[in-house]
Amino acid sequence: MTVKEKILLSACLAGHHVRYNGTHKSCDSALLQQWQDEGRLVTHCPELAAGLETPRLSAEMLGGQGVDVLNGRAQMVESDGRDVTQPYILAAWLALQTAQHNGCRFAIMTDGSPTCGSQTIYSGAFNGDKVQGEGVAAALLRQHGIEVFSEHQLNALELRLAEVESQPRCRPAAP
């Protein structure tokens, strides 16, 4: 019997209106629908879990990327300059907790997000420019062995799932 790997999914990609501006970023994909039908997807919004409101001011990282925020070398600030580093660090830890609790080996996170971005994030200048990088939750998930993909990498995740699920699983020895 093949074990179906679980996938943490950013809630805005599932059509939930949880983004900073109260919108969603619904990802209309046959693969996502298939994985939903197979019971693989665990939908989660790190920011809402951490108590951030919707809508809220946009936030970007100053002085680094997600890993730098986690290590205290950079900060997360809202567009009005308010430091919101701690709520975003909590958001990352709650995403990790949800993924681990549900046995997620993979995650599909919203690219560009200061929390979920896995390939790009906003530059920190609040001018709409993006740079290569990852958000705080994507960084923390990766540090704990969860493979993170963006909504633009569903085919790559499909290949990775096929690879992982074709490998035999080790079973614990009987007592």
N, C-alpha and C. Protein backbone atom coordinates (compact mmCIF):
# COMPACT_ATOMS: atom_id res chain seq x y z
N MET A 1 0.85 -1.19 0.00
CA MET A 1 0.00 0.00 0.00
C MET A 1 0.88 1.24 0.00
N THR A 2 0.63 2.17 -0.89
CA THR A 2 1.39 3.40 -0.99
C THR A 2 0.84 4.42 -0.01
N VAL A 3 1.74 4.99 0.77
CA VAL A 3 1.35 6.06 1.69
C VAL A 3 1.29 7.36 0.90
N LYS A 4 0.19 8.08 1.02
CA LYS A 4 0.03 9.37 0.35
C LYS A 4 0.60 10.46 1.26
N GLU A 5 1.65 11.10 0.79
CA GLU A 5 2.30 12.16 1.56
C GLU A 5 1.35 13.35 1.74
N LYS A 6 1.40 13.96 2.92
CA LYS A 6 0.58 15.14 3.21
C LYS A 6 1.32 16.41 2.78
N ILE A 7 0.53 17.43 2.42
CA ILE A 7 1.06 18.69 1.91
C ILE A 7 0.40 19.85 2.65
N LEU A 8 1.20 20.68 3.30
CA LEU A 8 0.69 21.91 3.90
C LEU A 8 0.43 22.90 2.76
N LEU A 9 -0.74 23.54 2.75
CA LEU A 9 -1.12 24.46 1.68
C LEU A 9 -1.49 25.82 2.26
N SER A 10 -0.88 26.88 1.73
CA SER A 10 -1.27 28.23 2.13
C SER A 10 -2.77 28.42 1.88
N ALA A 11 -3.47 28.90 2.89
CA ALA A 11 -4.92 29.03 2.81
C ALA A 11 -5.38 29.95 1.68
N CYS A 12 -4.61 30.98 1.37
CA CYS A 12 -5.03 31.90 0.29
C CYS A 12 -5.02 31.20 -1.06
N LEU A 13 -4.17 30.18 -1.22
CA LEU A 13 -4.14 29.42 -2.47
C LEU A 13 -5.37 28.52 -2.59
N ALA A 14 -5.99 28.22 -1.47
CA ALA A 14 -7.21 27.41 -1.46
C ALA A 14 -8.46 28.27 -1.62
N GLY A 15 -8.26 29.58 -1.83
CA GLY A 15 -9.39 30.47 -2.07
C GLY A 15 -9.90 31.21 -0.85
N HIS A 16 -9.23 31.06 0.29
CA HIS A 16 -9.65 31.77 1.50
C HIS A 16 -9.17 33.23 1.44
N HIS A 17 -10.02 34.14 1.82
CA HIS A 17 -9.71 35.58 1.79
C HIS A 17 -8.92 35.96 3.04
N VAL A 18 -7.64 35.59 3.07
CA VAL A 18 -6.82 35.78 4.26
C VAL A 18 -5.57 36.61 4.02
N ARG A 19 -5.36 37.06 2.79
CA ARG A 19 -4.17 37.85 2.50
C ARG A 19 -4.26 39.20 3.20
N TYR A 20 -3.15 39.89 3.28
CA TYR A 20 -3.07 41.16 4.00
C TYR A 20 -4.16 42.14 3.56
N ASN A 21 -4.55 42.10 2.27
CA ASN A 21 -5.55 43.03 1.76
C ASN A 21 -6.96 42.44 1.70
N GLY A 22 -7.15 41.30 2.34
CA GLY A 22 -8.47 40.68 2.41
C GLY A 22 -8.84 39.86 1.19
N THR A 23 -7.88 39.62 0.30
CA THR A 23 -8.16 38.85 -0.90
C THR A 23 -7.61 37.43 -0.76
N HIS A 24 -7.78 36.66 -1.82
CA HIS A 24 -7.18 35.33 -1.89
C HIS A 24 -6.28 35.29 -3.10
N LYS A 25 -5.59 34.21 -3.29
CA LYS A 25 -4.72 34.02 -4.44
C LYS A 25 -4.99 32.63 -4.99
N SER A 26 -6.28 32.32 -5.11
CA SER A 26 -6.74 30.99 -5.46
C SER A 26 -5.96 30.42 -6.64
N CYS A 27 -5.54 29.19 -6.48
CA CYS A 27 -4.75 28.50 -7.49
C CYS A 27 -5.64 27.42 -8.11
N ASP A 28 -6.11 27.69 -9.32
CA ASP A 28 -6.99 26.77 -10.02
C ASP A 28 -6.13 25.74 -10.75
N SER A 29 -6.01 24.56 -10.16
CA SER A 29 -5.12 23.55 -10.71
C SER A 29 -5.74 22.17 -10.57
N ALA A 30 -5.65 21.39 -11.63
CA ALA A 30 -6.13 20.00 -11.57
C ALA A 30 -5.33 19.20 -10.56
N LEU A 31 -4.04 19.50 -10.43
CA LEU A 31 -3.21 18.79 -9.45
C LEU A 31 -3.67 19.09 -8.02
N LEU A 32 -3.92 20.36 -7.73
CA LEU A 32 -4.40 20.70 -6.38
C LEU A 32 -5.73 20.02 -6.10
N GLN A 33 -6.61 20.00 -7.08
CA GLN A 33 -7.90 19.33 -6.89
C GLN A 33 -7.70 17.84 -6.65
N GLN A 34 -6.81 17.23 -7.39
CA GLN A 34 -6.52 15.80 -7.21
C GLN A 34 -5.99 15.55 -5.81
N TRP A 35 -5.04 16.38 -5.37
CA TRP A 35 -4.46 16.19 -4.03
C TRP A 35 -5.50 16.44 -2.94
N GLN A 36 -6.41 17.39 -3.18
CA GLN A 36 -7.50 17.62 -2.23
C GLN A 36 -8.39 16.38 -2.16
N ASP A 37 -8.76 15.84 -3.33
CA ASP A 37 -9.61 14.65 -3.38
C ASP A 37 -8.95 13.44 -2.71
N GLU A 38 -7.63 13.38 -2.77
CA GLU A 38 -6.88 12.28 -2.13
C GLU A 38 -6.67 12.50 -0.63
N GLY A 39 -7.11 13.63 -0.11
CA GLY A 39 -6.97 13.92 1.31
C GLY A 39 -5.57 14.30 1.74
N ARG A 40 -4.77 14.77 0.81
CA ARG A 40 -3.38 15.13 1.11
C ARG A 40 -3.21 16.53 1.70
N LEU A 41 -4.08 17.46 1.33
CA LEU A 41 -3.86 18.87 1.65
C LEU A 41 -4.30 19.24 3.06
N VAL A 42 -3.43 19.98 3.73
CA VAL A 42 -3.70 20.55 5.05
C VAL A 42 -3.63 22.06 4.87
N THR A 43 -4.79 22.71 4.84
CA THR A 43 -4.86 24.14 4.57
C THR A 43 -4.58 24.93 5.85
N HIS A 44 -3.72 25.94 5.72
CA HIS A 44 -3.29 26.70 6.90
C HIS A 44 -2.87 28.11 6.49
N CYS A 45 -3.24 29.11 7.28
CA CYS A 45 -2.74 30.47 7.10
C CYS A 45 -1.90 30.83 8.32
N PRO A 46 -0.58 30.91 8.17
CA PRO A 46 0.27 31.23 9.32
C PRO A 46 -0.07 32.56 9.98
N GLU A 47 -0.35 33.60 9.17
CA GLU A 47 -0.62 34.91 9.75
C GLU A 47 -1.88 34.92 10.59
N LEU A 48 -2.96 34.29 10.08
CA LEU A 48 -4.20 34.24 10.87
C LEU A 48 -4.00 33.41 12.13
N ALA A 49 -3.27 32.31 12.02
CA ALA A 49 -3.01 31.47 13.19
C ALA A 49 -2.28 32.26 14.27
N ALA A 50 -1.43 33.20 13.86
CA ALA A 50 -0.67 34.01 14.82
C ALA A 50 -1.46 35.21 15.33
N GLY A 51 -2.72 35.36 14.88
CA GLY A 51 -3.57 36.42 15.40
C GLY A 51 -3.53 37.72 14.61
N LEU A 52 -2.86 37.72 13.46
CA LEU A 52 -2.87 38.92 12.63
C LEU A 52 -4.24 39.07 11.97
N GLU A 53 -4.68 40.29 11.82
CA GLU A 53 -6.01 40.56 11.28
C GLU A 53 -6.00 40.57 9.76
N THR A 54 -7.18 40.40 9.20
CA THR A 54 -7.39 40.57 7.76
C THR A 54 -8.53 41.56 7.60
N PRO A 55 -8.34 42.66 6.88
CA PRO A 55 -7.08 43.08 6.26
C PRO A 55 -6.11 43.64 7.29
N ARG A 56 -4.86 43.77 6.85
CA ARG A 56 -3.79 44.32 7.69
C ARG A 56 -2.84 45.07 6.76
N LEU A 57 -1.97 45.86 7.32
CA LEU A 57 -0.98 46.56 6.50
C LEU A 57 -0.02 45.54 5.90
N SER A 58 0.50 45.86 4.73
CA SER A 58 1.50 44.97 4.13
C SER A 58 2.76 44.99 5.00
N ALA A 59 3.48 43.88 4.97
CA ALA A 59 4.71 43.76 5.75
C ALA A 59 5.82 43.25 4.83
N GLU A 60 7.03 43.72 5.09
CA GLU A 60 8.21 43.27 4.36
C GLU A 60 9.36 43.14 5.34
N MET A 61 10.39 42.42 4.90
CA MET A 61 11.56 42.20 5.75
C MET A 61 12.60 43.28 5.47
N LEU A 62 13.18 43.79 6.53
CA LEU A 62 14.26 44.77 6.42
C LEU A 62 15.53 44.14 6.96
N GLY A 63 16.59 44.21 6.17
CA GLY A 63 17.89 43.73 6.63
C GLY A 63 18.16 42.26 6.40
N GLY A 64 17.34 41.61 5.59
CA GLY A 64 17.60 40.20 5.31
C GLY A 64 16.37 39.47 4.84
N GLN A 65 16.44 38.16 5.00
CA GLN A 65 15.37 37.27 4.57
C GLN A 65 14.81 36.51 5.78
N GLY A 66 13.96 35.52 5.47
CA GLY A 66 13.29 34.77 6.53
C GLY A 66 14.21 34.20 7.58
N VAL A 67 15.28 33.56 7.15
CA VAL A 67 16.21 32.96 8.11
C VAL A 67 16.85 34.04 8.99
N ASP A 68 17.08 35.22 8.42
CA ASP A 68 17.67 36.32 9.19
C ASP A 68 16.69 36.84 10.23
N VAL A 69 15.40 36.90 9.88
CA VAL A 69 14.38 37.31 10.84
C VAL A 69 14.34 36.29 11.98
N LEU A 70 14.35 35.01 11.63
CA LEU A 70 14.31 33.95 12.66
C LEU A 70 15.50 34.02 13.60
N ASN A 71 16.66 34.45 13.07
CA ASN A 71 17.88 34.51 13.87
C ASN A 71 18.15 35.88 14.47
N GLY A 72 17.18 36.80 14.38
CA GLY A 72 17.32 38.11 15.00
C GLY A 72 18.22 39.08 14.26
N ARG A 73 18.58 38.79 13.01
CA ARG A 73 19.46 39.66 12.24
C ARG A 73 18.70 40.59 11.29
N ALA A 74 17.38 40.42 11.20
CA ALA A 74 16.54 41.25 10.35
C ALA A 74 15.20 41.40 11.04
N GLN A 75 14.40 42.31 10.57
CA GLN A 75 13.09 42.51 11.18
C GLN A 75 12.00 42.58 10.13
N MET A 76 10.80 42.32 10.57
CA MET A 76 9.60 42.42 9.74
C MET A 76 8.90 43.71 10.15
N VAL A 77 8.61 44.55 9.17
CA VAL A 77 7.93 45.80 9.47
C VAL A 77 6.73 45.98 8.55
N GLU A 78 5.72 46.66 9.06
CA GLU A 78 4.56 47.00 8.25
C GLU A 78 4.85 48.28 7.47
N SER A 79 4.01 48.57 6.51
CA SER A 79 4.22 49.73 5.63
C SER A 79 4.25 51.06 6.38
N ASP A 80 3.72 51.09 7.61
CA ASP A 80 3.78 52.32 8.41
C ASP A 80 5.02 52.36 9.31
N GLY A 81 5.91 51.36 9.18
CA GLY A 81 7.14 51.33 9.95
C GLY A 81 7.07 50.56 11.25
N ARG A 82 5.89 50.08 11.63
CA ARG A 82 5.74 49.35 12.90
C ARG A 82 6.42 47.99 12.81
N ASP A 83 7.21 47.66 13.82
CA ASP A 83 7.90 46.37 13.90
C ASP A 83 6.88 45.28 14.26
N VAL A 84 6.75 44.29 13.39
CA VAL A 84 5.83 43.17 13.62
C VAL A 84 6.60 41.84 13.54
N THR A 85 7.87 41.90 13.92
CA THR A 85 8.73 40.72 13.83
C THR A 85 8.17 39.56 14.64
N GLN A 86 7.80 39.80 15.88
CA GLN A 86 7.37 38.70 16.75
C GLN A 86 6.12 37.98 16.25
N PRO A 87 5.07 38.68 15.81
CA PRO A 87 3.91 37.94 15.27
C PRO A 87 4.26 37.09 14.05
N TYR A 88 5.19 37.55 13.22
CA TYR A 88 5.57 36.77 12.04
C TYR A 88 6.44 35.57 12.41
N ILE A 89 7.26 35.72 13.42
CA ILE A 89 8.02 34.55 13.91
C ILE A 89 7.05 33.53 14.49
N LEU A 90 6.07 33.99 15.25
CA LEU A 90 5.04 33.08 15.78
C LEU A 90 4.31 32.40 14.62
N ALA A 91 3.99 33.14 13.58
CA ALA A 91 3.31 32.57 12.41
C ALA A 91 4.13 31.42 11.82
N ALA A 92 5.44 31.62 11.74
CA ALA A 92 6.31 30.58 11.18
C ALA A 92 6.27 29.33 12.06
N TRP A 93 6.38 29.52 13.36
CA TRP A 93 6.37 28.36 14.27
C TRP A 93 5.02 27.64 14.25
N LEU A 94 3.94 28.38 14.11
CA LEU A 94 2.62 27.74 14.04
C LEU A 94 2.45 26.97 12.74
N ALA A 95 3.03 27.46 11.65
CA ALA A 95 3.01 26.71 10.39
C ALA A 95 3.78 25.41 10.55
N LEU A 96 4.95 25.48 11.18
CA LEU A 96 5.74 24.27 11.41
C LEU A 96 4.98 23.29 12.30
N GLN A 97 4.38 23.79 13.37
CA GLN A 97 3.62 22.93 14.27
C GLN A 97 2.47 22.24 13.53
N THR A 98 1.76 22.98 12.70
CA THR A 98 0.65 22.40 11.93
C THR A 98 1.17 21.33 10.97
N ALA A 99 2.25 21.64 10.28
CA ALA A 99 2.83 20.67 9.34
C ALA A 99 3.27 19.40 10.06
N GLN A 100 3.96 19.55 11.17
CA GLN A 100 4.45 18.37 11.91
C GLN A 100 3.29 17.57 12.50
N HIS A 101 2.32 18.26 13.06
CA HIS A 101 1.17 17.59 13.68
C HIS A 101 0.41 16.75 12.66
N ASN A 102 0.36 17.23 11.41
CA ASN A 102 -0.38 16.54 10.35
C ASN A 102 0.49 15.64 9.49
N GLY A 103 1.77 15.52 9.83
CA GLY A 103 2.66 14.65 9.09
C GLY A 103 2.99 15.14 7.69
N CYS A 104 3.02 16.44 7.49
CA CYS A 104 3.32 17.00 6.17
C CYS A 104 4.82 16.93 5.90
N ARG A 105 5.15 16.35 4.78
CA ARG A 105 6.54 16.30 4.34
C ARG A 105 6.83 17.40 3.32
N PHE A 106 5.76 17.96 2.76
CA PHE A 106 5.85 18.97 1.72
C PHE A 106 4.94 20.15 2.06
N ALA A 107 5.21 21.29 1.43
CA ALA A 107 4.36 22.47 1.59
C ALA A 107 4.29 23.21 0.27
N ILE A 108 3.11 23.76 -0.01
CA ILE A 108 2.92 24.68 -1.14
C ILE A 108 2.57 26.02 -0.51
N MET A 109 3.46 26.97 -0.67
CA MET A 109 3.32 28.26 -0.02
C MET A 109 3.26 29.38 -1.06
N THR A 110 2.56 30.45 -0.74
CA THR A 110 2.34 31.57 -1.64
C THR A 110 3.63 32.35 -1.87
N ASP A 111 4.11 32.33 -3.10
CA ASP A 111 5.36 33.02 -3.39
C ASP A 111 5.18 34.52 -3.29
N GLY A 112 6.22 35.20 -2.86
CA GLY A 112 6.20 36.65 -2.68
C GLY A 112 5.85 37.07 -1.27
N SER A 113 5.17 36.22 -0.54
CA SER A 113 4.74 36.54 0.82
C SER A 113 5.94 36.61 1.76
N PRO A 114 5.93 37.57 2.71
CA PRO A 114 7.03 37.64 3.68
C PRO A 114 7.03 36.45 4.64
N THR A 115 5.93 35.75 4.70
CA THR A 115 5.83 34.55 5.52
C THR A 115 6.08 33.31 4.68
N CYS A 116 5.36 33.19 3.58
CA CYS A 116 5.31 31.94 2.82
C CYS A 116 6.19 31.90 1.58
N GLY A 117 6.70 33.02 1.12
CA GLY A 117 7.49 33.04 -0.10
C GLY A 117 8.61 32.01 -0.08
N SER A 118 8.71 31.22 -1.14
CA SER A 118 9.75 30.20 -1.17
C SER A 118 10.77 30.45 -2.27
N GLN A 119 10.45 31.31 -3.23
CA GLN A 119 11.38 31.65 -4.29
C GLN A 119 11.67 33.14 -4.32
N THR A 120 10.63 33.94 -4.08
CA THR A 120 10.79 35.40 -4.08
C THR A 120 10.07 36.01 -2.89
N ILE A 121 10.57 37.17 -2.51
CA ILE A 121 9.96 38.00 -1.46
C ILE A 121 10.05 39.45 -1.92
N TYR A 122 9.31 40.32 -1.28
CA TYR A 122 9.42 41.74 -1.60
C TYR A 122 10.72 42.28 -1.01
N SER A 123 11.25 43.30 -1.65
CA SER A 123 12.60 43.80 -1.38
C SER A 123 12.78 44.46 -0.01
N GLY A 124 11.70 44.90 0.62
CA GLY A 124 11.83 45.62 1.88
C GLY A 124 11.73 47.13 1.70
N ALA A 125 11.58 47.57 0.46
CA ALA A 125 11.49 49.00 0.16
C ALA A 125 10.04 49.45 -0.04
N PHE A 126 9.09 48.52 0.04
CA PHE A 126 7.67 48.82 -0.15
C PHE A 126 7.41 49.53 -1.49
N ASN A 127 8.13 49.11 -2.52
CA ASN A 127 7.96 49.70 -3.84
C ASN A 127 7.48 48.69 -4.88
N GLY A 128 7.13 47.48 -4.43
CA GLY A 128 6.65 46.45 -5.34
C GLY A 128 7.73 45.57 -5.94
N ASP A 129 8.99 45.91 -5.70
CA ASP A 129 10.09 45.11 -6.25
C ASP A 129 10.25 43.81 -5.47
N LYS A 130 10.50 42.74 -6.22
CA LYS A 130 10.75 41.43 -5.61
C LYS A 130 12.19 41.03 -5.81
N VAL A 131 12.69 40.23 -4.87
CA VAL A 131 14.04 39.69 -4.93
C VAL A 131 13.98 38.19 -4.66
N GLN A 132 15.02 37.48 -5.05
CA GLN A 132 15.07 36.07 -4.70
C GLN A 132 15.17 35.95 -3.20
N GLY A 133 14.45 34.98 -2.64
CA GLY A 133 14.52 34.78 -1.21
C GLY A 133 13.33 33.99 -0.69
N GLU A 134 13.31 33.84 0.62
CA GLU A 134 12.23 33.09 1.25
C GLU A 134 11.73 33.79 2.49
N GLY A 135 10.44 33.58 2.78
CA GLY A 135 9.81 34.15 3.95
C GLY A 135 10.14 33.37 5.22
N VAL A 136 9.64 33.86 6.34
CA VAL A 136 10.00 33.26 7.63
C VAL A 136 9.46 31.85 7.80
N ALA A 137 8.24 31.58 7.38
CA ALA A 137 7.68 30.23 7.52
C ALA A 137 8.37 29.26 6.56
N ALA A 138 8.58 29.69 5.33
CA ALA A 138 9.27 28.82 4.36
C ALA A 138 10.65 28.45 4.87
N ALA A 139 11.36 29.42 5.43
CA ALA A 139 12.71 29.15 5.97
C ALA A 139 12.65 28.15 7.13
N LEU A 140 11.72 28.35 8.04
CA LEU A 140 11.63 27.46 9.21
C LEU A 140 11.20 26.05 8.80
N LEU A 141 10.25 25.95 7.88
CA LEU A 141 9.83 24.63 7.40
C LEU A 141 11.02 23.90 6.79
N ARG A 142 11.78 24.58 5.96
CA ARG A 142 12.95 23.96 5.33
C ARG A 142 13.99 23.55 6.36
N GLN A 143 14.20 24.38 7.38
CA GLN A 143 15.16 24.03 8.43
C GLN A 143 14.78 22.73 9.12
N HIS A 144 13.50 22.41 9.10
CA HIS A 144 13.00 21.20 9.77
C HIS A 144 12.67 20.08 8.78
N GLY A 145 13.22 20.15 7.59
CA GLY A 145 13.14 19.05 6.65
C GLY A 145 11.88 18.98 5.80
N ILE A 146 11.05 20.01 5.84
CA ILE A 146 9.85 20.03 5.01
C ILE A 146 10.20 20.73 3.69
N GLU A 147 9.94 20.06 2.59
CA GLU A 147 10.26 20.61 1.28
C GLU A 147 9.17 21.60 0.88
N VAL A 148 9.60 22.82 0.56
CA VAL A 148 8.66 23.90 0.26
C VAL A 148 8.69 24.22 -1.23
N PHE A 149 7.49 24.30 -1.81
CA PHE A 149 7.31 24.63 -3.22
C PHE A 149 6.38 25.83 -3.30
N SER A 150 6.51 26.62 -4.37
CA SER A 150 5.57 27.71 -4.59
C SER A 150 4.41 27.20 -5.43
N GLU A 151 3.39 28.02 -5.58
CA GLU A 151 2.24 27.65 -6.41
C GLU A 151 2.63 27.51 -7.87
N HIS A 152 3.82 28.00 -8.24
CA HIS A 152 4.31 27.90 -9.61
C HIS A 152 5.11 26.62 -9.85
N GLN A 153 5.26 25.81 -8.82
CA GLN A 153 6.09 24.61 -8.90
C GLN A 153 5.30 23.32 -8.67
N LEU A 154 4.03 23.32 -9.02
CA LEU A 154 3.19 22.14 -8.76
C LEU A 154 3.67 20.92 -9.54
N ASN A 155 4.12 21.11 -10.77
CA ASN A 155 4.62 19.98 -11.55
C ASN A 155 5.88 19.39 -10.92
N ALA A 156 6.74 20.24 -10.40
CA ALA A 156 7.95 19.76 -9.72
C ALA A 156 7.57 18.98 -8.46
N LEU A 157 6.57 19.45 -7.74
CA LEU A 157 6.11 18.72 -6.55
C LEU A 157 5.50 17.39 -6.96
N GLU A 158 4.76 17.36 -8.06
CA GLU A 158 4.18 16.11 -8.53
C GLU A 158 5.28 15.08 -8.80
N LEU A 159 6.36 15.50 -9.44
CA LEU A 159 7.49 14.60 -9.70
C LEU A 159 8.14 14.14 -8.41
N ARG A 160 8.30 15.06 -7.47
CA ARG A 160 8.91 14.73 -6.18
C ARG A 160 8.04 13.74 -5.41
N LEU A 161 6.73 13.92 -5.42
CA LEU A 161 5.82 12.99 -4.77
C LEU A 161 5.95 11.59 -5.37
N ALA A 162 5.99 11.50 -6.69
CA ALA A 162 6.13 10.20 -7.36
C ALA A 162 7.43 9.53 -6.96
N GLU A 163 8.50 10.33 -6.87
CA GLU A 163 9.80 9.78 -6.46
C GLU A 163 9.76 9.25 -5.04
N VAL A 164 9.24 10.05 -4.12
CA VAL A 164 9.21 9.67 -2.70
C VAL A 164 8.28 8.49 -2.46
N GLU A 165 7.12 8.51 -3.11
CA GLU A 165 6.13 7.47 -2.85
C GLU A 165 6.47 6.14 -3.52
N SER A 166 7.43 6.15 -4.44
CA SER A 166 7.84 4.90 -5.08
C SER A 166 8.92 4.18 -4.26
N GLN A 167 9.48 4.87 -3.27
CA GLN A 167 10.52 4.28 -2.43
C GLN A 167 9.88 3.46 -1.31
N PRO A 168 10.45 2.27 -1.02
CA PRO A 168 9.89 1.49 0.08
C PRO A 168 10.10 2.20 1.41
N ARG A 169 9.13 2.05 2.27
CA ARG A 169 9.20 2.65 3.61
C ARG A 169 9.76 1.65 4.60
N CYS A 170 10.56 2.12 5.51
CA CYS A 170 11.07 1.26 6.58
C CYS A 170 9.96 1.07 7.60
N ARG A 171 9.79 -0.15 8.02
CA ARG A 171 8.81 -0.44 9.06
C ARG A 171 9.53 -0.73 10.35
N PRO A 172 8.97 -0.30 11.47
CA PRO A 172 9.62 -0.59 12.75
C PRO A 172 9.61 -2.10 13.00
N ALA A 173 10.66 -2.56 13.63
CA ALA A 173 10.74 -3.98 13.96
C ALA A 173 9.67 -4.36 14.97
N ALA A 174 9.15 -5.55 14.82
CA ALA A 174 8.13 -6.04 15.76
C ALA A 174 8.79 -6.30 17.11
N PRO A 175 8.05 -6.05 18.20
CA PRO A 175 8.63 -6.26 19.54
C PRO A 175 8.87 -7.71 19.85
